[in-house]
């Protein structure tokens, strides 16, 4: 069983809506460890406050899983699943 140690996780909008960002470190850590999975849904229920509902989002995650550190970035829309690619 992998334990996800999320050092820092932030999401925000690519354009439109609130162009700020939201820290989702705790929410993402809890979500991944509860499901024991490396996928998460792009929605406000999983990651806390949505910076701009219905808009394209960016994600930036600094993580460690089973002693392997990495940086993950992605762009996605509401309702899409994102795979946290470990070791790539």
PDB file of N, CA and C in Angstrom:
ATOM      1  N   UNK A   1       0.839  -1.180   0.000  1.00  0.00           N
ATOM      2  CA  UNK A   1       0.000   0.000   0.000  1.00  0.00           C
ATOM      3  C   UNK A   1       0.883   1.242   0.000  1.00  0.00           C
ATOM      4  N   UNK A   2       0.675   2.129  -0.945  1.00  0.00           N
ATOM      5  CA  UNK A   2       1.459   3.354  -1.043  1.00  0.00           C
ATOM      6  C   UNK A   2       0.885   4.430  -0.136  1.00  0.00           C
ATOM      7  N   UNK A   3       1.773   5.157   0.513  1.00  0.00           N
ATOM      8  CA  UNK A   3       1.370   6.300   1.319  1.00  0.00           C
ATOM      9  C   UNK A   3       1.808   7.553   0.575  1.00  0.00           C
ATOM     10  N   UNK A   4       0.862   8.394   0.262  1.00  0.00           N
ATOM     11  CA  UNK A   4       1.140   9.623  -0.473  1.00  0.00           C
ATOM     12  C   UNK A   4       1.447  10.740   0.510  1.00  0.00           C
ATOM     13  N   UNK A   5       2.659  11.257   0.454  1.00  0.00           N
ATOM     14  CA  UNK A   5       3.067  12.379   1.283  1.00  0.00           C
ATOM     15  C   UNK A   5       3.139  13.593   0.367  1.00  0.00           C
ATOM     16  N   UNK A   6       2.066  14.346   0.328  1.00  0.00           N
ATOM     17  CA  UNK A   6       1.997  15.527  -0.523  1.00  0.00           C
ATOM     18  C   UNK A   6       2.663  16.676   0.220  1.00  0.00           C
ATOM     19  N   UNK A   7       3.780  17.140  -0.311  1.00  0.00           N
ATOM     20  CA  UNK A   7       4.524  18.240   0.317  1.00  0.00           C
ATOM     21  C   UNK A   7       3.834  19.571   0.056  1.00  0.00           C
ATOM     22  N   UNK A   8       3.315  19.746  -1.148  1.00  0.00           N
ATOM     23  CA  UNK A   8       2.631  20.976  -1.533  1.00  0.00           C
ATOM     24  C   UNK A   8       1.745  20.681  -2.731  1.00  0.00           C
ATOM     25  N   UNK A   9       0.511  21.166  -2.703  1.00  0.00           N
ATOM     26  CA  UNK A   9      -0.400  20.999  -3.831  1.00  0.00           C
ATOM     27  C   UNK A   9      -1.216  22.274  -3.996  1.00  0.00           C
ATOM     28  N   UNK A  10      -1.261  22.770  -5.220  1.00  0.00           N
ATOM     29  CA  UNK A  10      -1.971  24.011  -5.516  1.00  0.00           C
ATOM     30  C   UNK A  10      -2.743  23.817  -6.811  1.00  0.00           C
ATOM     31  N   UNK A  11      -3.928  24.395  -6.880  1.00  0.00           N
ATOM     32  CA  UNK A  11      -4.643  24.436  -8.143  1.00  0.00           C
ATOM     33  C   UNK A  11      -5.206  25.814  -8.351  1.00  0.00           C
ATOM     34  N   UNK A  12      -5.402  26.173  -9.616  1.00  0.00           N
ATOM     35  CA  UNK A  12      -5.922  27.488  -9.973  1.00  0.00           C
ATOM     36  C   UNK A  12      -6.452  27.452 -11.393  1.00  0.00           C
ATOM     37  N   UNK A  13      -6.935  28.595 -11.874  1.00  0.00           N
ATOM     38  CA  UNK A  13      -7.504  28.634 -13.217  1.00  0.00           C
ATOM     39  C   UNK A  13      -6.466  29.023 -14.248  1.00  0.00           C
ATOM     40  N   UNK A  14      -6.632  28.466 -15.440  1.00  0.00           N
ATOM     41  CA  UNK A  14      -5.778  28.837 -16.562  1.00  0.00           C
ATOM     42  C   UNK A  14      -6.233  30.187 -17.101  1.00  0.00           C
ATOM     43  N   UNK A  15      -7.528  30.419 -17.120  1.00  0.00           N
ATOM     44  CA  UNK A  15      -8.073  31.695 -17.582  1.00  0.00           C
ATOM     45  C   UNK A  15      -9.535  31.802 -17.217  1.00  0.00           C
ATOM     46  N   UNK A  16      -9.980  32.995 -16.930  1.00  0.00           N
ATOM     47  CA  UNK A  16     -11.365  33.217 -16.560  1.00  0.00           C
ATOM     48  C   UNK A  16     -11.610  32.938 -15.094  1.00  0.00           C
ATOM     49  N   UNK A  17     -12.687  33.456 -14.592  1.00  0.00           N
ATOM     50  CA  UNK A  17     -13.020  33.257 -13.182  1.00  0.00           C
ATOM     51  C   UNK A  17     -12.009  33.904 -12.267  1.00  0.00           C
ATOM     52  N   UNK A  18     -11.833  33.337 -11.103  1.00  0.00           N
ATOM     53  CA  UNK A  18     -10.857  33.818 -10.132  1.00  0.00           C
ATOM     54  C   UNK A  18      -9.493  33.307 -10.568  1.00  0.00           C
ATOM     55  N   UNK A  19      -8.619  34.200 -10.989  1.00  0.00           N
ATOM     56  CA  UNK A  19      -7.305  33.788 -11.482  1.00  0.00           C
ATOM     57  C   UNK A  19      -6.322  33.478 -10.362  1.00  0.00           C
ATOM     58  N   UNK A  20      -6.806  33.453  -9.140  1.00  0.00           N
ATOM     59  CA  UNK A  20      -5.950  33.084  -8.023  1.00  0.00           C
ATOM     60  C   UNK A  20      -5.765  31.581  -7.963  1.00  0.00           C
ATOM     61  N   UNK A  21      -5.195  31.121  -6.870  1.00  0.00           N
ATOM     62  CA  UNK A  21      -4.983  29.689  -6.706  1.00  0.00           C
ATOM     63  C   UNK A  21      -5.450  29.267  -5.323  1.00  0.00           C
ATOM     64  N   UNK A  22      -5.658  27.976  -5.158  1.00  0.00           N
ATOM     65  CA  UNK A  22      -6.128  27.408  -3.908  1.00  0.00           C
ATOM     66  C   UNK A  22      -5.159  26.325  -3.459  1.00  0.00           C
ATOM     67  N   UNK A  23      -4.714  26.404  -2.219  1.00  0.00           N
ATOM     68  CA  UNK A  23      -3.862  25.365  -1.652  1.00  0.00           C
ATOM     69  C   UNK A  23      -4.744  24.163  -1.345  1.00  0.00           C
ATOM     70  N   UNK A  24      -4.379  23.003  -1.859  1.00  0.00           N
ATOM     71  CA  UNK A  24      -5.177  21.790  -1.631  1.00  0.00           C
ATOM     72  C   UNK A  24      -4.309  20.651  -1.111  1.00  0.00           C
ATOM     73  N   UNK A  25      -3.236  20.985  -0.400  1.00  0.00           N
ATOM     74  CA  UNK A  25      -2.293  19.976   0.084  1.00  0.00           C
ATOM     75  C   UNK A  25      -2.981  18.947   0.981  1.00  0.00           C
ATOM     76  N   UNK A  26      -3.674  19.399   1.992  1.00  0.00           N
ATOM     77  CA  UNK A  26      -4.332  18.494   2.939  1.00  0.00           C
ATOM     78  C   UNK A  26      -5.427  17.691   2.259  1.00  0.00           C
ATOM     79  N   UNK A  27      -6.254  18.360   1.451  1.00  0.00           N
ATOM     80  CA  UNK A  27      -7.365  17.684   0.787  1.00  0.00           C
ATOM     81  C   UNK A  27      -6.873  16.587  -0.151  1.00  0.00           C
ATOM     82  N   UNK A  28      -5.830  16.884  -0.938  1.00  0.00           N
ATOM     83  CA  UNK A  28      -5.314  15.893  -1.879  1.00  0.00           C
ATOM     84  C   UNK A  28      -4.666  14.720  -1.151  1.00  0.00           C
ATOM     85  N   UNK A  29      -3.910  14.995  -0.098  1.00  0.00           N
ATOM     86  CA  UNK A  29      -3.286  13.927   0.692  1.00  0.00           C
ATOM     87  C   UNK A  29      -4.346  12.988   1.255  1.00  0.00           C
ATOM     88  N   UNK A  30      -5.363  13.548   1.883  1.00  0.00           N
ATOM     89  CA  UNK A  30      -6.431  12.740   2.480  1.00  0.00           C
ATOM     90  C   UNK A  30      -7.185  11.938   1.423  1.00  0.00           C
ATOM     91  N   UNK A  31      -7.481  12.566   0.306  1.00  0.00           N
ATOM     92  CA  UNK A  31      -8.234  11.915  -0.767  1.00  0.00           C
ATOM     93  C   UNK A  31      -7.474  10.719  -1.333  1.00  0.00           C
ATOM     94  N   UNK A  32      -6.196  10.904  -1.644  1.00  0.00           N
ATOM     95  CA  UNK A  32      -5.404   9.819  -2.228  1.00  0.00           C
ATOM     96  C   UNK A  32      -5.177   8.680  -1.249  1.00  0.00           C
ATOM     97  N   UNK A  33      -4.866   8.999  -0.002  1.00  0.00           N
ATOM     98  CA  UNK A  33      -4.614   7.949   0.987  1.00  0.00           C
ATOM     99  C   UNK A  33      -5.880   7.186   1.353  1.00  0.00           C
ATOM    100  N   UNK A  34      -7.019   7.869   1.380  1.00  0.00           N
ATOM    101  CA  UNK A  34      -8.279   7.205   1.697  1.00  0.00           C
ATOM    102  C   UNK A  34      -8.642   6.197   0.609  1.00  0.00           C
ATOM    103  N   UNK A  35      -8.388   6.554  -0.632  1.00  0.00           N
ATOM    104  CA  UNK A  35      -8.740   5.688  -1.757  1.00  0.00           C
ATOM    105  C   UNK A  35      -7.621   4.728  -2.119  1.00  0.00           C
ATOM    106  N   UNK A  36      -6.401   4.941  -1.595  1.00  0.00           N
ATOM    107  CA  UNK A  36      -5.218   4.161  -1.972  1.00  0.00           C
ATOM    108  C   UNK A  36      -5.106   4.080  -3.495  1.00  0.00           C
ATOM    109  N   UNK A  37      -5.143   5.242  -4.110  1.00  0.00           N
ATOM    110  CA  UNK A  37      -5.138   5.344  -5.559  1.00  0.00           C
ATOM    111  C   UNK A  37      -4.307   6.542  -5.977  1.00  0.00           C
ATOM    112  N   UNK A  38      -3.840   6.544  -7.218  1.00  0.00           N
ATOM    113  CA  UNK A  38      -3.111   7.706  -7.702  1.00  0.00           C
ATOM    114  C   UNK A  38      -3.951   8.531  -8.671  1.00  0.00           C
ATOM    115  N   UNK A  39      -5.276   8.355  -8.632  1.00  0.00           N
ATOM    116  CA  UNK A  39      -6.165   9.182  -9.441  1.00  0.00           C
ATOM    117  C   UNK A  39      -7.038  10.034  -8.538  1.00  0.00           C
ATOM    118  N   UNK A  40      -7.372  11.219  -9.029  1.00  0.00           N
ATOM    119  CA  UNK A  40      -8.311  12.058  -8.297  1.00  0.00           C
ATOM    120  C   UNK A  40      -9.197  12.795  -9.279  1.00  0.00           C
ATOM    121  N   UNK A  41     -10.407  13.102  -8.847  1.00  0.00           N
ATOM    122  CA  UNK A  41     -11.356  13.820  -9.680  1.00  0.00           C
ATOM    123  C   UNK A  41     -11.138  15.312  -9.531  1.00  0.00           C
ATOM    124  N   UNK A  42     -11.274  16.007 -10.647  1.00  0.00           N
ATOM    125  CA  UNK A  42     -11.139  17.453 -10.636  1.00  0.00           C
ATOM    126  C   UNK A  42     -12.503  18.032 -10.277  1.00  0.00           C
ATOM    127  N   UNK A  43     -12.732  18.242  -9.000  1.00  0.00           N
ATOM    128  CA  UNK A  43     -13.964  18.879  -8.542  1.00  0.00           C
ATOM    129  C   UNK A  43     -13.762  19.415  -7.142  1.00  0.00           C
ATOM    130  N   UNK A  44     -14.631  20.304  -6.745  1.00  0.00           N
ATOM    131  CA  UNK A  44     -14.460  20.981  -5.463  1.00  0.00           C
ATOM    132  C   UNK A  44     -14.662  20.047  -4.278  1.00  0.00           C
ATOM    133  N   UNK A  45     -15.379  18.938  -4.466  1.00  0.00           N
ATOM    134  CA  UNK A  45     -15.584  18.013  -3.353  1.00  0.00           C
ATOM    135  C   UNK A  45     -14.291  17.307  -2.973  1.00  0.00           C
ATOM    136  N   UNK A  46     -13.441  17.036  -3.951  1.00  0.00           N
ATOM    137  CA  UNK A  46     -12.191  16.329  -3.685  1.00  0.00           C
ATOM    138  C   UNK A  46     -11.087  17.257  -3.207  1.00  0.00           C
ATOM    139  N   UNK A  47     -11.035  18.464  -3.729  1.00  0.00           N
ATOM    140  CA  UNK A  47      -9.864  19.311  -3.517  1.00  0.00           C
ATOM    141  C   UNK A  47     -10.131  20.609  -2.772  1.00  0.00           C
ATOM    142  N   UNK A  48     -11.266  20.750  -2.141  1.00  0.00           N
ATOM    143  CA  UNK A  48     -11.529  21.988  -1.413  1.00  0.00           C
ATOM    144  C   UNK A  48     -12.157  23.028  -2.323  1.00  0.00           C
ATOM    145  N   UNK A  49     -12.027  24.283  -1.990  1.00  0.00           N
ATOM    146  CA  UNK A  49     -12.676  25.367  -2.712  1.00  0.00           C
ATOM    147  C   UNK A  49     -12.229  25.430  -4.171  1.00  0.00           C
ATOM    148  N   UNK A  50     -13.194  25.446  -5.072  1.00  0.00           N
ATOM    149  CA  UNK A  50     -12.926  25.517  -6.511  1.00  0.00           C
ATOM    150  C   UNK A  50     -12.595  26.961  -6.886  1.00  0.00           C
ATOM    151  N   UNK A  51     -11.404  27.224  -7.449  1.00  0.00           N
ATOM    152  CA  UNK A  51     -11.033  28.589  -7.791  1.00  0.00           C
ATOM    153  C   UNK A  51     -11.861  29.193  -8.922  1.00  0.00           C
ATOM    154  N   UNK A  52     -12.464  28.376  -9.759  1.00  0.00           N
ATOM    155  CA  UNK A  52     -13.322  28.886 -10.841  1.00  0.00           C
ATOM    156  C   UNK A  52     -14.099  27.726 -11.447  1.00  0.00           C
ATOM    157  N   UNK A  53     -15.317  27.531 -10.964  1.00  0.00           N
ATOM    158  CA  UNK A  53     -16.145  26.411 -11.390  1.00  0.00           C
ATOM    159  C   UNK A  53     -16.328  26.429 -12.907  1.00  0.00           C
ATOM    160  N   UNK A  54     -16.144  25.275 -13.538  1.00  0.00           N
ATOM    161  CA  UNK A  54     -16.372  25.126 -14.963  1.00  0.00           C
ATOM    162  C   UNK A  54     -15.241  25.601 -15.852  1.00  0.00           C
ATOM    163  N   UNK A  55     -14.209  26.154 -15.284  1.00  0.00           N
ATOM    164  CA  UNK A  55     -13.072  26.658 -16.059  1.00  0.00           C
ATOM    165  C   UNK A  55     -11.933  25.645 -16.051  1.00  0.00           C
ATOM    166  N   UNK A  56     -11.025  25.788 -16.995  1.00  0.00           N
ATOM    167  CA  UNK A  56      -9.859  24.915 -17.051  1.00  0.00           C
ATOM    168  C   UNK A  56      -8.928  25.232 -15.882  1.00  0.00           C
ATOM    169  N   UNK A  57      -8.404  24.186 -15.243  1.00  0.00           N
ATOM    170  CA  UNK A  57      -7.564  24.341 -14.052  1.00  0.00           C
ATOM    171  C   UNK A  57      -6.153  23.825 -14.306  1.00  0.00           C
ATOM    172  N   UNK A  58      -5.219  24.351 -13.539  1.00  0.00           N
ATOM    173  CA  UNK A  58      -3.869  23.783 -13.531  1.00  0.00           C
ATOM    174  C   UNK A  58      -3.620  23.219 -12.144  1.00  0.00           C
ATOM    175  N   UNK A  59      -2.765  22.197 -12.079  1.00  0.00           N
ATOM    176  CA  UNK A  59      -2.384  21.579 -10.816  1.00  0.00           C
ATOM    177  C   UNK A  59      -0.875  21.531 -10.734  1.00  0.00           C
ATOM    178  N   UNK A  60      -0.358  21.776  -9.566  1.00  0.00           N
ATOM    179  CA  UNK A  60       1.075  21.654  -9.318  1.00  0.00           C
ATOM    180  C   UNK A  60       1.230  20.937  -7.986  1.00  0.00           C
ATOM    181  N   UNK A  61       1.887  19.780  -8.002  1.00  0.00           N
ATOM    182  CA  UNK A  61       2.007  18.953  -6.803  1.00  0.00           C
ATOM    183  C   UNK A  61       3.461  18.532  -6.606  1.00  0.00           C
ATOM    184  N   UNK A  62       3.994  18.814  -5.431  1.00  0.00           N
ATOM    185  CA  UNK A  62       5.300  18.305  -5.008  1.00  0.00           C
ATOM    186  C   UNK A  62       4.991  17.179  -4.034  1.00  0.00           C
ATOM    187  N   UNK A  63       5.456  15.965  -4.325  1.00  0.00           N
ATOM    188  CA  UNK A  63       5.038  14.801  -3.542  1.00  0.00           C
ATOM    189  C   UNK A  63       6.201  13.862  -3.252  1.00  0.00           C
ATOM    190  N   UNK A  64       5.914  12.933  -2.344  1.00  0.00           N
ATOM    191  CA  UNK A  64       6.798  11.803  -2.084  1.00  0.00           C
ATOM    192  C   UNK A  64       5.913  10.588  -1.872  1.00  0.00           C
ATOM    193  N   UNK A  65       6.211   9.510  -2.580  1.00  0.00           N
ATOM    194  CA  UNK A  65       5.460   8.263  -2.450  1.00  0.00           C
ATOM    195  C   UNK A  65       6.460   7.132  -2.295  1.00  0.00           C
ATOM    196  N   UNK A  66       6.354   6.403  -1.207  1.00  0.00           N
ATOM    197  CA  UNK A  66       7.253   5.278  -0.931  1.00  0.00           C
ATOM    198  C   UNK A  66       8.718   5.673  -1.098  1.00  0.00           C
ATOM    199  N   UNK A  67       9.062   6.868  -0.622  1.00  0.00           N
ATOM    200  CA  UNK A  67      10.439   7.344  -0.663  1.00  0.00           C
ATOM    201  C   UNK A  67      10.869   7.960  -1.981  1.00  0.00           C
ATOM    202  N   UNK A  68       9.981   7.995  -2.973  1.00  0.00           N
ATOM    203  CA  UNK A  68      10.284   8.556  -4.284  1.00  0.00           C
ATOM    204  C   UNK A  68       9.671   9.950  -4.393  1.00  0.00           C
ATOM    205  N   UNK A  69      10.514  10.978  -4.565  1.00  0.00           N
ATOM    206  CA  UNK A  69      10.029  12.356  -4.665  1.00  0.00           C
ATOM    207  C   UNK A  69       9.810  12.730  -6.118  1.00  0.00           C
ATOM    208  N   UNK A  70       8.894  13.647  -6.346  1.00  0.00           N
ATOM    209  CA  UNK A  70       8.647  14.101  -7.705  1.00  0.00           C
ATOM    210  C   UNK A  70       7.784  15.339  -7.750  1.00  0.00           C
ATOM    211  N   UNK A  71       7.682  15.894  -8.943  1.00  0.00           N
ATOM    212  CA  UNK A  71       6.818  17.043  -9.201  1.00  0.00           C
ATOM    213  C   UNK A  71       5.829  16.618 -10.275  1.00  0.00           C
ATOM    214  N   UNK A  72       4.566  16.970 -10.074  1.00  0.00           N
ATOM    215  CA  UNK A  72       3.511  16.627 -11.015  1.00  0.00           C
ATOM    216  C   UNK A  72       2.785  17.902 -11.404  1.00  0.00           C
ATOM    217  N   UNK A  73       2.539  18.078 -12.691  1.00  0.00           N
ATOM    218  CA  UNK A  73       1.721  19.194 -13.155  1.00  0.00           C
ATOM    219  C   UNK A  73       0.713  18.664 -14.158  1.00  0.00           C
ATOM    220  N   UNK A  74      -0.444  19.289 -14.198  1.00  0.00           N
ATOM    221  CA  UNK A  74      -1.484  18.876 -15.138  1.00  0.00           C
ATOM    222  C   UNK A  74      -2.436  20.033 -15.373  1.00  0.00           C
ATOM    223  N   UNK A  75      -3.142  19.959 -16.483  1.00  0.00           N
ATOM    224  CA  UNK A  75      -4.215  20.894 -16.794  1.00  0.00           C
ATOM    225  C   UNK A  75      -5.446  20.046 -17.072  1.00  0.00           C
ATOM    226  N   UNK A  76      -6.584  20.424 -16.482  1.00  0.00           N
ATOM    227  CA  UNK A  76      -7.779  19.615 -16.623  1.00  0.00           C
ATOM    228  C   UNK A  76      -9.014  20.473 -16.420  1.00  0.00           C
ATOM    229  N   UNK A  77     -10.185  19.907 -16.708  1.00  0.00           N
ATOM    230  CA  UNK A  77     -11.454  20.587 -16.496  1.00  0.00           C
ATOM    231  C   UNK A  77     -12.251  19.878 -15.416  1.00  0.00           C
ATOM    232  N   UNK A  78     -13.295  20.545 -14.905  1.00  0.00           N
ATOM    233  CA  UNK A  78     -14.158  19.959 -13.889  1.00  0.00           C
ATOM    234  C   UNK A  78     -14.676  18.604 -14.342  1.00  0.00           C
ATOM    235  N   UNK A  79     -14.677  17.643 -13.426  1.00  0.00           N
ATOM    236  CA  UNK A  79     -15.232  16.330 -13.689  1.00  0.00           C
ATOM    237  C   UNK A  79     -14.275  15.339 -14.320  1.00  0.00           C
ATOM    238  N   UNK A  80     -13.125  15.784 -14.781  1.00  0.00           N
ATOM    239  CA  UNK A  80     -12.154  14.873 -15.379  1.00  0.00           C
ATOM    240  C   UNK A  80     -11.312  14.222 -14.293  1.00  0.00           C
ATOM    241  N   UNK A  81     -10.851  13.009 -14.570  1.00  0.00           N
ATOM    242  CA  UNK A  81      -9.939  12.354 -13.645  1.00  0.00           C
ATOM    243  C   UNK A  81      -8.512  12.679 -14.041  1.00  0.00           C
ATOM    244  N   UNK A  82      -7.679  12.893 -13.047  1.00  0.00           N
ATOM    245  CA  UNK A  82      -6.267  13.173 -13.256  1.00  0.00           C
ATOM    246  C   UNK A  82      -5.482  12.054 -12.594  1.00  0.00           C
ATOM    247  N   UNK A  83      -4.443  11.559 -13.268  1.00  0.00           N
ATOM    248  CA  UNK A  83      -3.598  10.508 -12.716  1.00  0.00           C
ATOM    249  C   UNK A  83      -2.300  11.134 -12.240  1.00  0.00           C
ATOM    250  N   UNK A  84      -1.989  10.961 -10.966  1.00  0.00           N
ATOM    251  CA  UNK A  84      -0.738  11.426 -10.391  1.00  0.00           C
ATOM    252  C   UNK A  84       0.334  10.434 -10.815  1.00  0.00           C
ATOM    253  N   UNK A  85       1.141  10.812 -11.792  1.00  0.00           N
ATOM    254  CA  UNK A  85       2.136   9.902 -12.359  1.00  0.00           C
ATOM    255  C   UNK A  85       3.394   9.912 -11.509  1.00  0.00           C
ATOM    256  N   UNK A  86       3.600   8.835 -10.781  1.00  0.00           N
ATOM    257  CA  UNK A  86       4.726   8.726  -9.861  1.00  0.00           C
ATOM    258  C   UNK A  86       5.952   8.237 -10.613  1.00  0.00           C
ATOM    259  N   UNK A  87       7.062   8.939 -10.424  1.00  0.00           N
ATOM    260  CA  UNK A  87       8.326   8.511 -10.994  1.00  0.00           C
ATOM    261  C   UNK A  87       8.500   8.773 -12.472  1.00  0.00           C
ATOM    262  N   UNK A  88       7.695   9.663 -13.050  1.00  0.00           N
ATOM    263  CA  UNK A  88       7.816   9.956 -14.489  1.00  0.00           C
ATOM    264  C   UNK A  88       8.452  11.301 -14.686  1.00  0.00           C
TER     265      UNK A  88
END
